[in-house]
Amino acid sequence: MKKFLTLCLLLLAGASHAQGVMQFTTDNHDFGNVPEGTMATYEFKFRNTGNQPVVIANVQASCGCTTPDWTKTPVLPGKMGVIRAMYNSAGRPGVFNKTVTVTSNAAEASKVLSIKGSVLTKEQIKPTLTATQLAQSPHLVLDRSTHDFGKMEAGQQPVARFTVKNTGKTELVLGALTSGCYCVGYKTNPAPIAPGQSEVVELLYTQRQLGQVSDAVTITSNDVNGDAKITLSATIVRDLTGTSMMKESTTSVPFK
């Protein structure tokens, strides 16, 4: 009986220690100098050194400028998982130091990872590059610089399609969109564009101000020569159907 009780206690003790363990290769990363307009991205890799699957419940960034992503499926014992931190450097020159907090069912239920670096403007970076580096850099060329949506109804979200060509010698990476109205975004995040290749970029317009509007938009990228500028315009009405009916009502109709 005594041996049986001892065995049961050992089994219970083992069960109480059955848990996943997230063993990170590093919990901090220094990007160094980051060109303004690019997405500084780093993957924190970890191995589950425990004896149970690790399930990540959430990853929370310390600010809206940092976007996290992570392995969504359970990470089995002995397998690898990833926490990806992406810092949007557009319009944020200077030093940054941000964190992402990982919440999971692992032995360490809450784990803080940190990223840091210094965002340099293109004016700061360009003088530091050699003639060879400048010649090898990417170069963004747009098929046009304006798009007129014409008459649209408030609340609609039309899409403007621009063709972006990389006439440079290295991969072109498009960054964030900036505008005074905060009403322009990518319909889908654009993929990097190889040298000599072109891609169609779709911009979603969510302007709701009534009347004739015109919004200047900046497309940031890793092109050290500067960012691309475009202008989106439209005539926004409250109700296209109502406007149409009003026009019809002004037409004289003879009495019958």
Foldseek 3Di string as FASTA:
>chain_A
DVVVVVVVVVVVVVVVQQFWAWAWPDQEEEPAEDEAQFKDKDKTKTATQGQAWKAWPDKAKPDPQKDWDWDHDTHHHGGMIIIMIIGHRHPPFFKDKIWIWIAIRGPPRIDIGIYIYGYDYLVVPVVVDDPVRLQQFWDKDKPDFEDEPEEDEQQDKDKDKIKIATQGNAKKAKGFKDKPVPFKGWPDHDDIAGHGGIDITIIIGNDRDAAKDKIKMWIGIRNSVDIGIHMYIYHYDNDPVVVVVVVVVPDDDDDD
